[in-house]
PDB file of N, CA and C in Angstrom:
ATOM      1  N   MET A   1     -61.345  -2.043  26.885  1.00  0.00           N
ATOM      2  CA  MET A   1     -59.435  -1.262  27.680  1.00  0.00           C
ATOM      3  C   MET A   1     -59.016  -2.185  26.765  1.00  0.00           C
ATOM      4  N   CYS A   2     -58.017  -1.698  26.292  1.00  0.00           N
ATOM      5  CA  CYS A   2     -56.744  -2.307  25.231  1.00  0.00           C
ATOM      6  C   CYS A   2     -55.895  -2.298  26.095  1.00  0.00           C
ATOM      7  N   LEU A   3     -55.346  -3.478  25.586  1.00  0.00           N
ATOM      8  CA  LEU A   3     -53.828  -4.324  26.057  1.00  0.00           C
ATOM      9  C   LEU A   3     -52.756  -4.173  24.947  1.00  0.00           C
ATOM     10  N   ALA A   4     -51.861  -3.169  25.071  1.00  0.00           N
ATOM     11  CA  ALA A   4     -50.820  -2.638  24.309  1.00  0.00           C
ATOM     12  C   ALA A   4     -49.575  -3.858  24.632  1.00  0.00           C
ATOM     13  N   VAL A   5     -49.402  -4.257  23.347  1.00  0.00           N
ATOM     14  CA  VAL A   5     -48.412  -5.713  22.982  1.00  0.00           C
ATOM     15  C   VAL A   5     -47.750  -5.152  21.905  1.00  0.00           C
ATOM     16  N   PRO A   6     -46.267  -5.137  22.434  1.00  0.00           N
ATOM     17  CA  PRO A   6     -44.962  -5.049  21.741  1.00  0.00           C
ATOM     18  C   PRO A   6     -45.281  -6.081  20.653  1.00  0.00           C
ATOM     19  N   ALA A   7     -44.530  -5.914  19.184  1.00  0.00           N
ATOM     20  CA  ALA A   7     -45.171  -6.358  18.273  1.00  0.00           C
ATOM     21  C   ALA A   7     -43.328  -6.348  17.384  1.00  0.00           C
ATOM     22  N   LYS A   8     -42.844  -7.063  16.712  1.00  0.00           N
ATOM     23  CA  LYS A   8     -42.007  -6.986  15.995  1.00  0.00           C
ATOM     24  C   LYS A   8     -41.680  -6.513  14.546  1.00  0.00           C
ATOM     25  N   VAL A   9     -41.517  -5.822  14.257  1.00  0.00           N
ATOM     26  CA  VAL A   9     -41.474  -5.459  12.387  1.00  0.00           C
ATOM     27  C   VAL A   9     -40.315  -6.105  11.862  1.00  0.00           C
ATOM     28  N   ILE A  10     -41.336  -7.180  10.865  1.00  0.00           N
ATOM     29  CA  ILE A  10     -40.879  -8.528  10.294  1.00  0.00           C
ATOM     30  C   ILE A  10     -40.374  -7.913   8.602  1.00  0.00           C
ATOM     31  N   GLU A  11     -41.860  -7.043   8.663  1.00  0.00           N
ATOM     32  CA  GLU A  11     -41.315  -6.551   6.613  1.00  0.00           C
ATOM     33  C   GLU A  11     -41.627  -5.212   7.159  1.00  0.00           C
ATOM     34  N   ILE A  12     -41.427  -4.632   5.517  1.00  0.00           N
ATOM     35  CA  ILE A  12     -41.727  -3.048   5.931  1.00  0.00           C
ATOM     36  C   ILE A  12     -41.360  -3.067   4.325  1.00  0.00           C
ATOM     37  N   ASN A  13     -43.136  -2.274   3.633  1.00  0.00           N
ATOM     38  CA  ASN A  13     -43.520  -2.662   2.371  1.00  0.00           C
ATOM     39  C   ASN A  13     -44.181  -0.982   2.341  1.00  0.00           C
ATOM     40  N   GLY A  14     -43.638  -0.003   1.340  1.00  0.00           N
ATOM     41  CA  GLY A  14     -44.106   1.346   1.440  1.00  0.00           C
ATOM     42  C   GLY A  14     -43.810   2.067   3.085  1.00  0.00           C
ATOM     43  N   GLU A  15     -45.903   2.443   3.099  1.00  0.00           N
ATOM     44  CA  GLU A  15     -46.045   2.476   4.161  1.00  0.00           C
ATOM     45  C   GLU A  15     -46.645   2.177   5.039  1.00  0.00           C
ATOM     46  N   MET A  16     -46.670   0.234   4.943  1.00  0.00           N
ATOM     47  CA  MET A  16     -46.895  -0.773   5.764  1.00  0.00           C
ATOM     48  C   MET A  16     -46.209  -1.502   5.670  1.00  0.00           C
ATOM     49  N   ALA A  17     -46.064  -2.202   7.549  1.00  0.00           N
ATOM     50  CA  ALA A  17     -45.784  -2.814   7.714  1.00  0.00           C
ATOM     51  C   ALA A  17     -46.133  -4.589   7.903  1.00  0.00           C
ATOM     52  N   THR A  18     -45.660  -5.422   8.121  1.00  0.00           N
ATOM     53  CA  THR A  18     -46.390  -6.503   8.639  1.00  0.00           C
ATOM     54  C   THR A  18     -44.719  -6.999   9.597  1.00  0.00           C
ATOM     55  N   VAL A  19     -45.969  -7.273  11.266  1.00  0.00           N
ATOM     56  CA  VAL A  19     -45.436  -7.477  12.487  1.00  0.00           C
ATOM     57  C   VAL A  19     -45.462  -8.599  13.056  1.00  0.00           C
ATOM     58  N   ASP A  20     -44.766  -8.810  13.683  1.00  0.00           N
ATOM     59  CA  ASP A  20     -45.068 -10.735  13.994  1.00  0.00           C
ATOM     60  C   ASP A  20     -44.838 -10.317  15.664  1.00  0.00           C
ATOM     61  N   LEU A  21     -46.334 -11.397  16.721  1.00  0.00           N
ATOM     62  CA  LEU A  21     -46.901 -10.731  17.914  1.00  0.00           C
ATOM     63  C   LEU A  21     -47.201 -12.344  17.983  1.00  0.00           C
ATOM     64  N   GLY A  22     -45.577 -13.290  18.557  1.00  0.00           N
ATOM     65  CA  GLY A  22     -45.977 -13.920  19.015  1.00  0.00           C
ATOM     66  C   GLY A  22     -45.703 -15.409  17.872  1.00  0.00           C
ATOM     67  N   GLY A  23     -45.478 -15.246  16.707  1.00  0.00           N
ATOM     68  CA  GLY A  23     -46.023 -15.924  15.570  1.00  0.00           C
ATOM     69  C   GLY A  23     -47.384 -15.436  14.930  1.00  0.00           C
ATOM     70  N   VAL A  24     -47.998 -14.693  15.119  1.00  0.00           N
ATOM     71  CA  VAL A  24     -49.082 -14.152  14.511  1.00  0.00           C
ATOM     72  C   VAL A  24     -48.739 -13.226  14.210  1.00  0.00           C
ATOM     73  N   HIS A  25     -49.058 -13.143  12.471  1.00  0.00           N
ATOM     74  CA  HIS A  25     -48.386 -11.874  11.689  1.00  0.00           C
ATOM     75  C   HIS A  25     -49.901 -11.001  11.383  1.00  0.00           C
ATOM     76  N   ARG A  26     -49.370  -9.589  11.589  1.00  0.00           N
ATOM     77  CA  ARG A  26     -50.387  -8.285  11.119  1.00  0.00           C
ATOM     78  C   ARG A  26     -49.884  -7.262  10.375  1.00  0.00           C
ATOM     79  N   ALA A  27     -50.460  -6.896   9.272  1.00  0.00           N
ATOM     80  CA  ALA A  27     -50.240  -5.814   8.811  1.00  0.00           C
ATOM     81  C   ALA A  27     -50.578  -4.685   9.598  1.00  0.00           C
ATOM     82  N   VAL A  28     -49.789  -3.680   9.182  1.00  0.00           N
ATOM     83  CA  VAL A  28     -50.028  -2.191   9.920  1.00  0.00           C
ATOM     84  C   VAL A  28     -49.234  -1.150   9.322  1.00  0.00           C
ATOM     85  N   SER A  29     -49.901   0.017   9.270  1.00  0.00           N
ATOM     86  CA  SER A  29     -49.448   1.200   8.978  1.00  0.00           C
ATOM     87  C   SER A  29     -48.446   1.360   9.698  1.00  0.00           C
ATOM     88  N   THR A  30     -47.770   2.375   8.522  1.00  0.00           N
ATOM     89  CA  THR A  30     -46.723   3.099   9.352  1.00  0.00           C
ATOM     90  C   THR A  30     -46.974   4.292   9.282  1.00  0.00           C
ATOM     91  N   LEU A  31     -47.594   5.290   9.298  1.00  0.00           N
ATOM     92  CA  LEU A  31     -47.617   6.438   8.978  1.00  0.00           C
ATOM     93  C   LEU A  31     -47.296   7.285  10.160  1.00  0.00           C
ATOM     94  N   MET A  32     -47.742   6.658  11.081  1.00  0.00           N
ATOM     95  CA  MET A  32     -47.712   7.576  12.274  1.00  0.00           C
ATOM     96  C   MET A  32     -46.731   6.957  12.915  1.00  0.00           C
ATOM     97  N   VAL A  33     -45.422   6.203  12.819  1.00  0.00           N
ATOM     98  CA  VAL A  33     -44.363   6.580  12.933  1.00  0.00           C
ATOM     99  C   VAL A  33     -43.243   6.110  11.625  1.00  0.00           C
ATOM    100  N   PRO A  34     -42.691   7.417  10.765  1.00  0.00           N
ATOM    101  CA  PRO A  34     -42.264   6.972   9.498  1.00  0.00           C
ATOM    102  C   PRO A  34     -40.707   6.345   9.609  1.00  0.00           C
ATOM    103  N   ASP A  35     -40.131   6.610  10.556  1.00  0.00           N
ATOM    104  CA  ASP A  35     -38.731   6.315  10.847  1.00  0.00           C
ATOM    105  C   ASP A  35     -38.907   4.567  11.342  1.00  0.00           C
ATOM    106  N   ILE A  36     -39.082   4.018  10.950  1.00  0.00           N
ATOM    107  CA  ILE A  36     -39.446   2.753  11.778  1.00  0.00           C
ATOM    108  C   ILE A  36     -38.759   1.864  10.909  1.00  0.00           C
ATOM    109  N   SER A  37     -37.850   0.937  10.973  1.00  0.00           N
ATOM    110  CA  SER A  37     -36.384  -0.225  11.153  1.00  0.00           C
ATOM    111  C   SER A  37     -37.550  -1.772  10.314  1.00  0.00           C
ATOM    112  N   LEU A  38     -37.092  -2.611  10.054  1.00  0.00           N
ATOM    113  CA  LEU A  38     -36.976  -4.050  10.506  1.00  0.00           C
ATOM    114  C   LEU A  38     -36.323  -4.186  11.327  1.00  0.00           C
ATOM    115  N   GLY A  39     -37.087  -5.038  12.981  1.00  0.00           N
ATOM    116  CA  GLY A  39     -36.157  -5.627  13.800  1.00  0.00           C
ATOM    117  C   GLY A  39     -36.462  -4.557  15.154  1.00  0.00           C
ATOM    118  N   ASP A  40     -37.718  -3.559  14.498  1.00  0.00           N
ATOM    119  CA  ASP A  40     -38.110  -2.516  15.528  1.00  0.00           C
ATOM    120  C   ASP A  40     -39.610  -3.074  16.131  1.00  0.00           C
ATOM    121  N   TYR A  41     -39.260  -2.482  17.292  1.00  0.00           N
ATOM    122  CA  TYR A  41     -40.294  -3.098  18.274  1.00  0.00           C
ATOM    123  C   TYR A  41     -41.450  -2.118  18.414  1.00  0.00           C
ATOM    124  N   VAL A  42     -42.763  -2.549  17.809  1.00  0.00           N
ATOM    125  CA  VAL A  42     -43.561  -1.401  17.766  1.00  0.00           C
ATOM    126  C   VAL A  42     -45.128  -1.569  18.746  1.00  0.00           C
ATOM    127  N   ILE A  43     -45.702  -0.679  19.059  1.00  0.00           N
ATOM    128  CA  ILE A  43     -46.710  -1.155  20.122  1.00  0.00           C
ATOM    129  C   ILE A  43     -47.810  -0.118  18.750  1.00  0.00           C
ATOM    130  N   THR A  44     -48.482  -1.076  18.540  1.00  0.00           N
ATOM    131  CA  THR A  44     -49.948  -0.999  17.570  1.00  0.00           C
ATOM    132  C   THR A  44     -51.724  -1.118  18.362  1.00  0.00           C
ATOM    133  N   HIS A  45     -52.003  -0.340  17.108  1.00  0.00           N
ATOM    134  CA  HIS A  45     -53.547  -0.183  18.090  1.00  0.00           C
ATOM    135  C   HIS A  45     -53.977  -0.014  16.163  1.00  0.00           C
ATOM    136  N   ALA A  46     -55.080  -0.680  16.359  1.00  0.00           N
ATOM    137  CA  ALA A  46     -56.384  -0.238  15.144  1.00  0.00           C
ATOM    138  C   ALA A  46     -55.689  -0.641  14.028  1.00  0.00           C
ATOM    139  N   GLY A  47     -54.965  -0.828  13.204  1.00  0.00           N
ATOM    140  CA  GLY A  47     -53.595  -0.978  12.692  1.00  0.00           C
ATOM    141  C   GLY A  47     -52.373  -0.507  12.170  1.00  0.00           C
ATOM    142  N   PHE A  48     -52.397   0.779  13.025  1.00  0.00           N
ATOM    143  CA  PHE A  48     -51.178   0.902  13.409  1.00  0.00           C
ATOM    144  C   PHE A  48     -50.380   1.069  13.664  1.00  0.00           C
ATOM    145  N   ALA A  49     -49.536   1.286  13.846  1.00  0.00           N
ATOM    146  CA  ALA A  49     -47.905   0.923  14.673  1.00  0.00           C
ATOM    147  C   ALA A  49     -47.904   3.150  15.643  1.00  0.00           C
ATOM    148  N   LEU A  50     -48.676   2.761  16.513  1.00  0.00           N
ATOM    149  CA  LEU A  50     -48.436   3.764  17.287  1.00  0.00           C
ATOM    150  C   LEU A  50     -46.629   4.545  17.670  1.00  0.00           C
ATOM    151  N   HIS A  51     -46.159   3.600  18.283  1.00  0.00           N
ATOM    152  CA  HIS A  51     -44.798   4.379  18.543  1.00  0.00           C
ATOM    153  C   HIS A  51     -43.687   3.233  19.141  1.00  0.00           C
ATOM    154  N   LYS A  52     -42.952   3.669  18.561  1.00  0.00           N
ATOM    155  CA  LYS A  52     -41.554   2.399  18.519  1.00  0.00           C
ATOM    156  C   LYS A  52     -40.645   2.140  20.287  1.00  0.00           C
ATOM    157  N   VAL A  53     -40.258   0.743  20.548  1.00  0.00           N
ATOM    158  CA  VAL A  53     -40.770   0.637  22.000  1.00  0.00           C
ATOM    159  C   VAL A  53     -39.153   0.143  22.157  1.00  0.00           C
ATOM    160  N   ASP A  54     -38.090   0.081  22.640  1.00  0.00           N
ATOM    161  CA  ASP A  54     -36.677   0.026  23.083  1.00  0.00           C
ATOM    162  C   ASP A  54     -37.182  -1.613  23.314  1.00  0.00           C
ATOM    163  N   GLU A  55     -36.449  -2.293  22.459  1.00  0.00           N
ATOM    164  CA  GLU A  55     -36.228  -4.232  22.608  1.00  0.00           C
ATOM    165  C   GLU A  55     -35.996  -4.791  23.692  1.00  0.00           C
ATOM    166  N   ALA A  56     -35.467  -4.105  24.635  1.00  0.00           N
ATOM    167  CA  ALA A  56     -35.046  -4.912  26.109  1.00  0.00           C
ATOM    168  C   ALA A  56     -36.266  -4.816  26.701  1.00  0.00           C
ATOM    169  N   ASP A  57     -37.544  -2.938  27.098  1.00  0.00           N
ATOM    170  CA  ASP A  57     -38.658  -3.533  27.103  1.00  0.00           C
ATOM    171  C   ASP A  57     -39.739  -3.736  26.957  1.00  0.00           C
ATOM    172  N   ALA A  58     -39.711  -4.064  25.210  1.00  0.00           N
ATOM    173  CA  ALA A  58     -40.641  -4.980  24.989  1.00  0.00           C
ATOM    174  C   ALA A  58     -40.158  -6.547  24.944  1.00  0.00           C
ATOM    175  N   GLN A  59     -39.069  -6.818  25.396  1.00  0.00           N
ATOM    176  CA  GLN A  59     -38.744  -7.887  25.908  1.00  0.00           C
ATOM    177  C   GLN A  59     -39.493  -8.026  27.261  1.00  0.00           C
ATOM    178  N   ALA A  60     -39.338  -7.654  27.999  1.00  0.00           N
ATOM    179  CA  ALA A  60     -39.339  -7.185  29.411  1.00  0.00           C
ATOM    180  C   ALA A  60     -41.042  -8.224  29.295  1.00  0.00           C
ATOM    181  N   SER A  61     -41.602  -6.650  28.624  1.00  0.00           N
ATOM    182  CA  SER A  61     -43.244  -6.443  28.869  1.00  0.00           C
ATOM    183  C   SER A  61     -43.641  -8.252  28.490  1.00  0.00           C
ATOM    184  N   LEU A  62     -42.942  -8.394  27.181  1.00  0.00           N
ATOM    185  CA  LEU A  62     -43.494  -9.363  26.709  1.00  0.00           C
ATOM    186  C   LEU A  62     -43.668 -10.764  27.652  1.00  0.00           C
ATOM    187  N   ASP A  63     -41.965 -11.164  28.239  1.00  0.00           N
ATOM    188  CA  ASP A  63     -42.116 -11.930  29.311  1.00  0.00           C
ATOM    189  C   ASP A  63     -42.947 -11.715  30.433  1.00  0.00           C
ATOM    190  N   LEU A  64     -43.558 -10.587  30.761  1.00  0.00           N
ATOM    191  CA  LEU A  64     -43.908 -10.297  32.236  1.00  0.00           C
ATOM    192  C   LEU A  64     -46.090 -10.958  31.559  1.00  0.00           C
ATOM    193  N   LEU A  65     -46.250 -10.702  30.207  1.00  0.00           N
ATOM    194  CA  LEU A  65     -47.081 -11.207  30.174  1.00  0.00           C
ATOM    195  C   LEU A  65     -47.665 -12.738  29.620  1.00  0.00           C
ATOM    196  N   ARG A  66     -45.971 -13.477  29.283  1.00  0.00           N
ATOM    197  CA  ARG A  66     -46.058 -14.606  29.279  1.00  0.00           C
ATOM    198  C   ARG A  66     -46.849 -16.012  30.656  1.00  0.00           C
ATOM    199  N   GLU A  67     -45.692 -14.886  31.222  1.00  0.00           N
ATOM    200  CA  GLU A  67     -45.790 -15.428  33.119  1.00  0.00           C
ATOM    201  C   GLU A  67     -47.206 -14.971  33.362  1.00  0.00           C
ATOM    202  N   MET A  68     -48.017 -14.028  33.488  1.00  0.00           N
ATOM    203  CA  MET A  68     -49.161 -13.281  33.505  1.00  0.00           C
ATOM    204  C   MET A  68     -50.220 -15.080  33.093  1.00  0.00           C
ATOM    205  N   VAL A  69     -49.774 -15.599  31.707  1.00  0.00           N
ATOM    206  CA  VAL A  69     -50.879 -16.441  30.868  1.00  0.00           C
ATOM    207  C   VAL A  69     -50.452 -17.782  31.598  1.00  0.00           C
ATOM    208  N   ASP A  70     -49.067 -18.257  31.818  1.00  0.00           N
ATOM    209  CA  ASP A  70     -48.357 -18.887  32.620  1.00  0.00           C
ATOM    210  C   ASP A  70     -49.689 -19.295  34.314  1.00  0.00           C
ATOM    211  N   THR A  71     -49.667 -18.402  34.862  1.00  0.00           N
ATOM    212  CA  THR A  71     -50.208 -18.330  36.053  1.00  0.00           C
ATOM    213  C   THR A  71     -51.409 -18.475  36.111  1.00  0.00           C
ATOM    214  N   VAL A  72     -52.128 -17.543  35.466  1.00  0.00           N
ATOM    215  CA  VAL A  72     -53.845 -18.100  35.174  1.00  0.00           C
ATOM    216  C   VAL A  72     -53.994 -19.459  34.978  1.00  0.00           C
ATOM    217  N   ALA A  73     -53.588 -20.252  33.602  1.00  0.00           N
ATOM    218  CA  ALA A  73     -53.572 -21.615  33.406  1.00  0.00           C
ATOM    219  C   ALA A  73     -53.191 -22.583  34.536  1.00  0.00           C
ATOM    220  N   ARG A  74     -52.193 -22.537  35.182  1.00  0.00           N
ATOM    221  CA  ARG A  74     -51.597 -22.615  36.473  1.00  0.00           C
ATOM    222  C   ARG A  74     -53.017 -22.819  37.263  1.00  0.00           C
ATOM    223  N   HIS A  75     -53.440 -21.410  37.840  1.00  0.00           N
ATOM    224  CA  HIS A  75     -54.206 -21.529  38.669  1.00  0.00           C
ATOM    225  C   HIS A  75     -55.887 -22.181  37.852  1.00  0.00           C
ATOM    226  N   GLU A  76     -55.913 -22.096  36.742  1.00  0.00           N
ATOM    227  CA  GLU A  76     -57.584 -23.133  36.578  1.00  0.00           C
ATOM    228  C   GLU A  76     -57.138 -23.869  36.397  1.00  0.00           C
ATOM    229  N   SER A  77     -55.708 -24.664  35.963  1.00  0.00           N
ATOM    230  CA  SER A  77     -55.967 -26.084  35.950  1.00  0.00           C
ATOM    231  C   SER A  77     -55.870 -26.802  37.995  1.00  0.00           C
ATOM    232  N   GLU A  78     -55.285 -25.859  39.062  1.00  0.00           N
ATOM    233  CA  GLU A  78     -56.045 -26.255  39.609  1.00  0.00           C
ATOM    234  C   GLU A  78     -56.949 -26.425  40.813  1.00  0.00           C
ATOM    235  N   GLU A  79     -58.001 -25.649  39.801  1.00  0.00           N
ATOM    236  CA  GLU A  79     -59.324 -25.738  40.152  1.00  0.00           C
ATOM    237  C   GLU A  79     -60.105 -26.737  39.640  1.00  0.00           C
ATOM    238  N   MET A  80     -59.447 -27.470  38.865  1.00  0.00           N
ATOM    239  CA  MET A  80     -60.241 -28.168  38.591  1.00  0.00           C
ATOM    240  C   MET A  80     -59.797 -29.582  39.142  1.00  0.00           C
TER     241      MET A  80
END
């Protein structure tokens, strides 16, 4: 199973882009999303940007993921 997480485009170099996901930078191909711009949020998989995501939707997804991680961490610490 794959988890689609929005990543922010921070650099574009030809048909490649660098995306930022919580401080982790990855190079991805932009061949499937040729109209990509700096600051866009994209869903990536296997080294490819698959499609753009609206910034508000990207932030909502990232907030929800952070909340899920915090909940799991809290739950694990209560079990100890």
